[in-house]
Amino acid sequence: MLDGLQLKDRELYYSLLRVTNALNYTYIIRSNGVTVEEDPLLPGKVFDGYITGFDLNILPSRRKISANWEGNPGYQVDESKTAEQPGTQQVLFYEVAVGTDRRFHKTRDNIVPFTKVGLNDSVTFYDLNLESGTAIYYFTVRAYSASFSVATVTSNGFHVGYDGGVEGGSIIMGDYINTDTYVDIQFEGFTSKLDIMMYYVALSNHSGVVGTDCKLYIDGRKSELVDDYLFNVAPLININKNTFYTLTFLELQPGGTYYVWVIATDESGDCGMIHHKFTVDTTPPLYGALTAGPFYNMDLAYTSDNSTLTVQWTNYSDPESDIATYEVSLWQNTSCYSSGEEMNIPYTVRFKVTNAAGLSIQQSSSPVLYDPSKPVSGVLVDGEDFSAEQVWFSSTNIIKGKFIPFWKDYK
């Protein structure tokens, strides 16, 4: 090894080896050359916590802590400066440590010494005994390039020992929706001893996520599994602190059953997950039969009671979401007659049927007239002569008679 040299940056140098044998024959071997590269790695950023790309100020456990950072192929967060980084300065491996003070070299790794983690862009340390409360800890990450230049970055610090979690939460949504291209998601009620940091929403056609740990899904390391299988209709989306979001450009199947998922994450990285099952119904209810009279299919009905009108219906149905409500209203129409009497004013019953998805149909009954008059008795006689009622008949098989609805004196 030769040291004490004063080589110039970006100059190409060759190593020469001269060999002399016993016959005093000499020849020289030359290497393929090496270029001196003094450019350091451009520093990036370290995030406390296991959520990729998010920096947590509080980690929940005193015995288990995590961090993540920008990974291979470089260590540069600012994409505008990536071009400035030479191609030979790609990261070869990382070392990670945990300490109590990032200002001094000795306190950057006094909790966990520098540990080589290869090209991984995250790390978790176990079996620690950190002090909860006001104590602050820091992650320090070293990146080594192929030319063994080093970039060192520390996190902004974190506390540990938070004992809590995200609880509650409810999705404000019906059991049926009437659209197959979008889904409105509204929720409320998540609570935590810390502030809620962000929410995630997703959509699937199965309930395979029930009972699993929500931390698996807000950690970007499993995004391929999350998107391709678990949340296979709409992938997990970070909606910040909004509590309402619309999933659009969907192709839901009419009659299909789906699951909305909401994950809330607090400032410690703890999370809570809830879901809601719903069915798509894009068709209105099926028509049945309606009448405001004594029988169905009447062209005109009458009522003798001016304070009560009985309405009957049958065979209204909805095979997907069932009937939710019936609504009845009474309408007074303009009279077709010129007498001006109240009993000649036609009334119509309007009937509205709504299913559980909010779709409805409307139907009107045939006109109803108010008629308080009673029937007038007529005359019925045995035989065929109203003036002389027949008493005796010559046949035991046939007896004839006549009637008129209104009696007049024919004598």
Protein backbone atom coordinates (compact mmCIF):
# COMPACT_ATOMS: atom_id res chain seq x y z
CA MET A 1 0.00 0.00 0.00
CA LEU A 2 1.23 3.44 -0.90
CA ASP A 3 0.16 6.34 1.28
CA GLY A 4 1.05 9.98 1.58
CA LEU A 5 0.15 10.54 -2.06
CA GLN A 6 -1.34 13.75 -3.39
CA LEU A 7 -3.62 12.56 -6.16
CA LYS A 8 -5.89 14.90 -8.09
CA ASP A 9 -9.65 14.63 -8.24
CA ARG A 10 -11.07 13.00 -11.40
CA GLU A 11 -7.61 12.01 -12.68
CA LEU A 12 -7.06 8.50 -14.02
CA TYR A 13 -4.12 6.65 -12.46
CA TYR A 14 -2.50 3.31 -13.31
CA SER A 15 -0.55 0.92 -11.15
CA LEU A 16 2.66 -0.45 -12.72
CA LEU A 17 4.34 -3.63 -11.56
CA ARG A 18 7.87 -4.37 -12.76
CA VAL A 19 8.97 -8.00 -12.52
CA THR A 20 12.60 -9.24 -12.85
CA ASN A 21 13.36 -12.95 -12.99
CA ALA A 22 16.54 -14.87 -12.14
CA LEU A 23 17.88 -14.38 -15.67
CA ASN A 24 17.63 -10.64 -15.13
CA TYR A 25 14.77 -10.45 -17.61
CA THR A 26 12.43 -7.57 -16.78
CA TYR A 27 8.87 -6.86 -17.87
CA ILE A 28 6.15 -4.45 -16.67
CA ILE A 29 2.45 -5.16 -15.95
CA ARG A 30 -0.07 -2.28 -15.95
CA SER A 31 -3.50 -2.18 -14.27
CA ASN A 32 -6.65 -1.05 -16.09
CA GLY A 33 -6.63 2.22 -14.17
CA VAL A 34 -8.58 3.87 -11.39
CA THR A 35 -10.15 7.33 -11.23
CA VAL A 36 -10.04 9.32 -8.03
CA GLU A 37 -13.58 10.42 -7.07
CA GLU A 38 -13.74 12.90 -4.23
CA ASP A 39 -17.44 13.79 -4.61
CA PRO A 40 -19.32 12.85 -1.43
CA LEU A 41 -22.74 11.26 -1.36
CA LEU A 42 -25.51 13.83 -1.28
CA PRO A 43 -27.36 13.51 2.03
CA GLY A 44 -31.04 12.62 2.27
CA LYS A 45 -33.50 12.35 5.16
CA VAL A 46 -34.21 9.84 7.92
CA PHE A 47 -37.77 9.25 9.16
CA ASP A 48 -38.47 8.05 12.70
CA GLY A 49 -41.06 5.27 12.77
CA TYR A 50 -42.12 2.42 10.53
CA ILE A 51 -44.43 4.37 8.19
CA THR A 52 -42.53 4.88 4.96
CA GLY A 53 -41.92 8.54 4.20
CA PHE A 54 -43.54 9.86 7.41
CA ASP A 55 -41.65 11.12 10.42
CA LEU A 56 -43.17 10.24 13.81
CA ASN A 57 -42.38 12.22 16.94
CA ILE A 58 -43.54 9.48 19.30
CA LEU A 59 -42.98 5.73 19.02
CA PRO A 60 -45.31 3.55 21.09
CA SER A 61 -42.91 0.92 22.41
CA ARG A 62 -39.95 1.24 24.77
CA ARG A 63 -38.51 -2.05 23.53
CA LYS A 64 -39.04 -1.85 19.78
CA ILE A 65 -38.24 1.12 17.53
CA SER A 66 -38.12 1.58 13.75
CA ALA A 67 -36.85 4.03 11.16
CA ASN A 68 -36.88 4.36 7.37
CA TRP A 69 -35.02 6.46 4.82
CA GLU A 70 -34.52 6.97 1.13
CA GLY A 71 -32.97 3.82 -0.28
CA ASN A 72 -31.25 2.37 -3.33
CA PRO A 73 -30.09 3.53 -5.87
CA GLY A 74 -29.03 6.76 -4.16
CA TYR A 75 -29.27 8.66 -0.95
CA GLN A 76 -30.75 11.84 -2.37
CA VAL A 77 -34.26 12.94 -1.42
CA ASP A 78 -34.28 16.10 -3.56
CA GLU A 79 -34.87 14.80 -7.10
CA SER A 80 -33.67 18.10 -8.58
CA LYS A 81 -30.17 17.29 -7.27
CA THR A 82 -30.08 13.66 -8.29
CA ALA A 83 -28.37 14.51 -11.59
CA GLU A 84 -25.55 16.16 -9.66
CA GLN A 85 -24.65 12.87 -8.04
CA PRO A 86 -22.07 10.92 -10.13
CA GLY A 87 -23.01 7.44 -11.24
CA THR A 88 -20.06 5.94 -9.41
CA GLN A 89 -21.41 7.26 -6.13
CA GLN A 90 -24.24 4.76 -5.80
CA VAL A 91 -24.93 3.44 -2.31
CA LEU A 92 -23.11 0.20 -1.53
CA PHE A 93 -24.57 -0.39 1.96
CA TYR A 94 -26.01 1.38 5.01
CA GLU A 95 -25.16 1.41 8.71
CA VAL A 96 -27.70 2.47 11.34
CA ALA A 97 -27.27 3.45 14.99
CA VAL A 98 -29.40 4.89 17.82
CA GLY A 99 -28.17 7.44 20.32
CA THR A 100 -29.25 10.05 22.82
CA ASP A 101 -27.65 13.13 21.23
CA ARG A 102 -26.95 13.71 17.57
CA ARG A 103 -24.53 16.57 18.17
CA PHE A 104 -21.62 14.43 19.31
CA HIS A 105 -20.00 11.44 17.74
CA LYS A 106 -19.94 9.37 20.94
CA THR A 107 -23.64 9.90 21.68
CA ARG A 108 -24.91 9.00 18.22
CA ASP A 109 -24.53 5.26 18.85
CA ASN A 110 -24.55 4.91 22.64
CA ILE A 111 -27.89 3.02 22.60
CA VAL A 112 -27.46 0.82 19.53
CA PRO A 113 -24.01 0.76 17.86
CA PHE A 114 -23.70 1.18 14.11
CA THR A 115 -25.19 -1.91 12.49
CA LYS A 116 -24.76 -2.86 8.85
CA VAL A 117 -28.14 -3.38 7.14
CA GLY A 118 -27.08 -3.78 3.51
CA LEU A 119 -29.27 -1.92 1.01
CA ASN A 120 -32.40 -2.07 3.15
CA ASP A 121 -34.14 1.28 3.49
CA SER A 122 -35.69 0.57 6.90
CA VAL A 123 -34.69 -1.03 10.17
CA THR A 124 -36.28 -2.21 13.42
CA PHE A 125 -34.36 -2.75 16.65
CA TYR A 126 -35.77 -5.06 19.33
CA ASP A 127 -35.21 -5.88 23.01
CA LEU A 128 -34.33 -2.34 24.06
CA ASN A 129 -35.02 -0.68 27.39
CA LEU A 130 -35.55 2.97 26.52
CA GLU A 131 -36.73 5.63 28.93
CA SER A 132 -40.26 6.87 28.36
CA GLY A 133 -41.36 10.44 28.88
CA THR A 134 -39.13 13.38 28.03
CA ALA A 135 -36.05 11.45 26.85
CA ILE A 136 -35.25 11.99 23.16
CA TYR A 137 -33.53 9.44 20.94
CA TYR A 138 -32.08 9.77 17.44
CA PHE A 139 -31.46 7.44 14.52
CA THR A 140 -28.23 7.97 12.58
CA VAL A 141 -27.79 6.45 9.12
CA ARG A 142 -24.51 6.20 7.25
CA ALA A 143 -24.46 5.51 3.53
CA TYR A 144 -21.30 4.12 1.92
CA SER A 145 -20.71 4.47 -1.81
CA ALA A 146 -18.82 2.14 -4.12
CA SER A 147 -15.79 4.40 -3.69
CA PHE A 148 -16.29 4.30 0.10
CA SER A 149 -17.29 7.92 0.46
CA VAL A 150 -19.69 8.37 3.37
CA ALA A 151 -22.82 10.44 3.98
CA THR A 152 -24.20 10.63 7.53
CA VAL A 153 -27.70 11.84 8.40
CA THR A 154 -29.53 11.84 11.74
CA SER A 155 -33.25 11.98 12.41
CA ASN A 156 -34.95 14.86 14.21
CA GLY A 157 -35.57 12.74 17.31
CA PHE A 158 -38.43 10.85 18.93
CA HIS A 159 -39.93 9.98 22.32
CA VAL A 160 -40.98 6.48 23.40
CA GLY A 161 -43.27 4.78 25.85
CA TYR A 162 -46.65 6.08 24.72
CA ASP A 163 -49.36 3.76 26.03
CA GLY A 164 -52.55 4.09 24.07
CA GLY A 165 -53.88 3.46 20.61
CA VAL A 166 -56.52 4.49 18.11
CA GLU A 167 -60.03 3.46 19.09
CA GLY A 168 -63.59 3.83 17.88
CA GLY A 169 -64.60 5.10 14.50
CA SER A 170 -67.71 4.53 12.41
CA ILE A 171 -68.46 4.78 8.70
CA ILE A 172 -71.55 6.84 7.84
CA MET A 173 -72.94 4.82 4.97
CA GLY A 174 -76.01 2.77 4.15
CA ASP A 175 -76.10 -0.93 3.44
CA TYR A 176 -76.91 -0.24 -0.22
CA ILE A 177 -75.75 2.32 -2.79
CA ASN A 178 -77.39 3.16 -6.12
CA THR A 179 -74.31 3.89 -8.24
CA ASP A 180 -71.67 1.62 -9.75
CA THR A 181 -69.08 4.26 -10.74
CA TYR A 182 -68.26 6.00 -7.45
CA VAL A 183 -68.51 5.53 -3.68
CA ASP A 184 -68.79 8.33 -1.11
CA ILE A 185 -66.96 7.49 2.12
CA GLN A 186 -67.67 9.50 5.26
CA PHE A 187 -66.54 8.52 8.74
CA GLU A 188 -66.19 9.87 12.27
CA GLY A 189 -65.45 8.96 15.86
CA PHE A 190 -61.78 7.89 15.86
CA THR A 191 -60.12 8.77 19.18
CA SER A 192 -56.57 8.68 20.53
CA LYS A 193 -54.65 10.24 23.40
CA LEU A 194 -52.51 11.78 20.67
CA ASP A 195 -53.69 13.72 17.65
CA ILE A 196 -54.80 11.77 14.59
CA MET A 197 -52.10 12.23 11.97
CA MET A 198 -53.81 10.86 8.84
CA TYR A 199 -56.47 8.56 7.42
CA TYR A 200 -56.43 5.89 4.72
CA VAL A 201 -59.39 4.55 2.70
CA ALA A 202 -59.67 1.54 0.41
CA LEU A 203 -62.24 -0.74 -1.24
CA SER A 204 -62.36 -4.51 -1.75
CA ASN A 205 -64.85 -7.19 -2.75
CA HIS A 206 -63.94 -9.52 0.12
CA SER A 207 -63.46 -9.38 3.89
CA GLY A 208 -60.01 -10.98 4.02
CA VAL A 209 -58.53 -8.02 5.91
CA VAL A 210 -60.79 -8.53 8.95
CA GLY A 211 -58.78 -9.41 12.05
CA THR A 212 -55.39 -8.39 10.63
CA ASP A 213 -52.99 -5.72 11.90
CA CYS A 214 -53.55 -2.38 10.19
CA LYS A 215 -49.85 -1.57 10.52
CA LEU A 216 -49.18 -4.06 7.73
CA TYR A 217 -51.03 -1.85 5.27
CA ILE A 218 -49.84 1.64 6.13
CA ASP A 219 -46.25 0.35 5.88
CA GLY A 220 -45.24 0.78 2.24
CA ARG A 221 -43.11 -2.35 2.27
CA LYS A 222 -46.17 -4.50 1.56
CA SER A 223 -47.86 -2.26 -1.00
CA GLU A 224 -47.86 -4.88 -3.78
CA LEU A 225 -49.78 -7.38 -1.66
CA VAL A 226 -52.11 -4.67 -0.40
CA ASP A 227 -53.03 -3.34 -3.84
CA ASP A 228 -53.16 -6.55 -5.86
CA TYR A 229 -55.07 -8.79 -3.49
CA LEU A 230 -56.29 -7.30 -0.25
CA PHE A 231 -57.67 -3.96 -1.48
CA ASN A 232 -58.36 -5.18 -4.98
CA VAL A 233 -61.10 -2.72 -6.06
CA ALA A 234 -59.55 0.59 -4.94
CA PRO A 235 -56.03 0.60 -3.43
CA LEU A 236 -55.20 2.13 -0.07
CA ILE A 237 -55.19 5.94 -0.39
CA ASN A 238 -53.79 8.44 2.10
CA ILE A 239 -56.38 11.24 2.44
CA ASN A 240 -54.51 13.21 5.14
CA LYS A 241 -56.92 14.44 7.84
CA ASN A 242 -60.04 14.55 5.66
CA THR A 243 -63.04 12.59 6.92
CA PHE A 244 -64.84 12.48 3.57
CA TYR A 245 -63.57 11.06 0.31
CA THR A 246 -65.07 9.91 -3.00
CA LEU A 247 -63.64 6.92 -4.82
CA THR A 248 -64.23 7.50 -8.53
CA PHE A 249 -63.81 5.72 -11.87
CA LEU A 250 -65.04 2.45 -10.40
CA GLU A 251 -66.68 -0.44 -12.24
CA LEU A 252 -68.80 -2.05 -9.54
CA GLN A 253 -71.07 -4.97 -10.35
CA PRO A 254 -74.83 -4.43 -9.85
CA GLY A 255 -75.91 -6.71 -7.04
CA GLY A 256 -72.29 -7.13 -5.91
CA THR A 257 -71.16 -6.89 -2.29
CA TYR A 258 -68.17 -4.71 -1.36
CA TYR A 259 -66.26 -3.55 1.72
CA VAL A 260 -65.09 -0.02 2.53
CA TRP A 261 -61.99 0.17 4.75
CA VAL A 262 -60.85 3.16 6.82
CA ILE A 263 -57.57 3.27 8.76
CA ALA A 264 -56.76 6.07 11.23
CA THR A 265 -53.16 6.65 12.35
CA ASP A 266 -52.09 8.82 15.28
CA GLU A 267 -48.81 10.65 15.84
CA SER A 268 -47.18 7.58 17.38
CA GLY A 269 -47.86 5.41 14.36
CA ASP A 270 -50.54 3.38 16.14
CA CYS A 271 -53.58 2.75 14.01
CA GLY A 272 -57.14 1.52 14.08
CA MET A 273 -59.08 -0.03 11.20
CA ILE A 274 -62.83 -0.32 10.58
CA HIS A 275 -64.89 -1.51 7.63
CA HIS A 276 -68.43 -1.37 6.27
CA LYS A 277 -70.20 -3.86 4.03
CA PHE A 278 -72.54 -2.64 1.30
CA THR A 279 -74.33 -3.91 -1.80
CA VAL A 280 -74.77 -2.18 -5.16
CA ASP A 281 -78.38 -1.74 -6.35
CA THR A 282 -78.79 0.41 -9.45
CA THR A 283 -82.38 -0.59 -10.30
CA PRO A 284 -85.61 0.92 -8.88
CA PRO A 285 -88.36 -1.17 -7.25
CA LEU A 286 -90.72 -3.27 -9.37
CA TYR A 287 -94.26 -1.99 -9.93
CA GLY A 288 -97.26 -3.62 -8.30
CA ALA A 289 -100.97 -2.77 -8.19
CA LEU A 290 -102.65 0.20 -6.49
CA THR A 291 -106.27 1.13 -5.84
CA ALA A 292 -108.21 3.70 -3.82
CA GLY A 293 -111.45 1.79 -4.29
CA PRO A 294 -112.76 -1.61 -3.28
CA PHE A 295 -111.19 -3.42 -6.26
CA TYR A 296 -108.01 -3.25 -8.35
CA ASN A 297 -108.02 -2.14 -12.02
CA MET A 298 -110.98 0.21 -11.58
CA ASP A 299 -111.17 3.09 -14.06
CA LEU A 300 -113.13 5.19 -11.57
CA ALA A 301 -113.71 4.73 -7.84
CA TYR A 302 -116.16 6.31 -5.39
CA THR A 303 -116.17 6.96 -1.68
CA SER A 304 -119.07 7.91 0.57
CA ASP A 305 -116.84 9.10 3.45
CA ASN A 306 -115.42 12.61 3.13
CA SER A 307 -112.99 12.13 6.04
CA THR A 308 -111.38 8.78 5.20
CA LEU A 309 -109.99 7.25 2.03
CA THR A 310 -108.67 3.69 2.06
CA VAL A 311 -105.70 2.91 -0.21
CA GLN A 312 -104.56 -0.62 -0.97
CA TRP A 313 -101.50 -1.91 -2.81
CA THR A 314 -99.87 -5.24 -3.55
CA ASN A 315 -96.89 -6.92 -5.28
CA TYR A 316 -94.41 -4.01 -5.03
CA SER A 317 -90.95 -5.54 -4.58
CA ASP A 318 -87.19 -5.11 -4.99
CA PRO A 319 -85.07 -8.26 -5.35
CA GLU A 320 -81.72 -6.57 -4.54
CA SER A 321 -82.26 -4.24 -1.60
CA ASP A 322 -85.92 -4.75 -0.63
CA ILE A 323 -88.48 -1.98 -0.06
CA ALA A 324 -87.50 0.69 2.46
CA THR A 325 -90.49 3.07 2.52
CA TYR A 326 -93.96 3.68 1.10
CA GLU A 327 -95.30 7.23 0.78
CA VAL A 328 -98.92 8.18 0.07
CA SER A 329 -100.31 11.62 -0.83
CA LEU A 330 -103.76 12.83 -1.90
CA TRP A 331 -104.19 15.31 -4.75
CA GLN A 332 -107.26 17.28 -5.77
CA ASN A 333 -107.74 17.62 -9.51
CA THR A 334 -109.71 20.15 -11.55
CA SER A 335 -113.26 18.96 -12.07
CA CYS A 336 -114.31 17.68 -15.45
CA TYR A 337 -117.88 18.74 -14.72
CA SER A 338 -119.51 22.16 -14.70
CA SER A 339 -122.03 21.64 -11.93
CA GLY A 340 -119.63 22.97 -9.29
CA GLU A 341 -120.78 20.43 -6.75
CA GLU A 342 -118.09 19.17 -4.33
CA MET A 343 -118.89 15.57 -5.05
CA ASN A 344 -117.91 15.99 -8.70
CA ILE A 345 -114.29 16.91 -7.88
CA PRO A 346 -111.97 13.99 -8.71
CA TYR A 347 -109.17 13.07 -6.29
CA THR A 348 -106.02 11.10 -7.08
CA VAL A 349 -103.75 9.13 -4.76
CA ARG A 350 -100.05 9.37 -5.56
CA PHE A 351 -97.94 6.49 -4.33
CA LYS A 352 -94.12 6.53 -3.98
CA VAL A 353 -92.10 3.36 -3.34
CA THR A 354 -88.41 3.66 -2.35
CA ASN A 355 -85.89 0.84 -1.99
CA ALA A 356 -83.01 0.64 0.49
CA ALA A 357 -80.61 2.08 -2.11
CA GLY A 358 -82.67 5.28 -2.36
CA LEU A 359 -84.17 4.62 -5.80
CA SER A 360 -87.92 5.12 -6.14
CA ILE A 361 -90.91 4.79 -8.44
CA GLN A 362 -94.21 6.72 -8.41
CA GLN A 363 -97.68 5.64 -9.43
CA SER A 364 -101.10 7.32 -9.39
CA SER A 365 -104.43 5.70 -8.69
CA SER A 366 -107.50 6.02 -10.86
CA PRO A 367 -109.70 9.05 -10.01
CA VAL A 368 -111.82 8.91 -6.87
CA LEU A 369 -115.14 10.79 -6.56
CA TYR A 370 -116.91 11.65 -3.34
CA ASP A 371 -120.56 10.49 -3.47
CA PRO A 372 -122.53 10.80 -0.20
CA SER A 373 -125.87 9.70 -1.73
CA LYS A 374 -127.41 6.34 -0.94
CA PRO A 375 -128.93 3.96 -3.51
CA VAL A 376 -132.68 4.46 -4.27
CA SER A 377 -134.79 1.35 -4.10
CA GLY A 378 -136.51 0.19 -7.27
CA VAL A 379 -139.29 -2.31 -7.97
CA LEU A 380 -139.08 -6.05 -8.49
CA VAL A 381 -142.12 -8.09 -9.65
CA ASP A 382 -142.76 -11.72 -10.32
CA GLY A 383 -143.62 -12.20 -13.94
CA GLU A 384 -143.28 -9.81 -16.83
CA ASP A 385 -146.06 -7.31 -16.11
CA PHE A 386 -145.36 -4.51 -13.62
CA SER A 387 -149.06 -3.67 -13.41
CA ALA A 388 -150.20 -7.18 -12.51
CA GLU A 389 -147.79 -9.26 -10.49
CA GLN A 390 -147.93 -12.96 -11.38
CA VAL A 391 -148.62 -15.45 -8.62
CA TRP A 392 -148.87 -18.78 -10.44
CA PHE A 393 -146.37 -20.20 -12.92
CA SER A 394 -146.88 -23.12 -15.28
CA SER A 395 -143.28 -24.34 -15.19
CA THR A 396 -141.33 -25.86 -12.37
CA ASN A 397 -138.05 -25.10 -14.15
CA ILE A 398 -138.34 -21.45 -15.18
CA ILE A 399 -139.68 -18.48 -13.22
CA LYS A 400 -139.48 -15.06 -14.83
CA GLY A 401 -139.40 -11.67 -13.18
CA LYS A 402 -138.58 -8.02 -13.93
CA PHE A 403 -137.17 -5.06 -12.04
CA ILE A 404 -136.58 -1.36 -12.56
CA PRO A 405 -134.06 0.68 -10.49
CA PHE A 406 -136.37 3.66 -10.00
CA TRP A 407 -140.12 3.13 -9.55
CA LYS A 408 -142.60 5.14 -11.53
CA ASP A 409 -146.37 4.83 -11.39
CA TYR A 410 -147.37 3.22 -14.68
CA LYS A 411 -151.09 3.19 -13.87
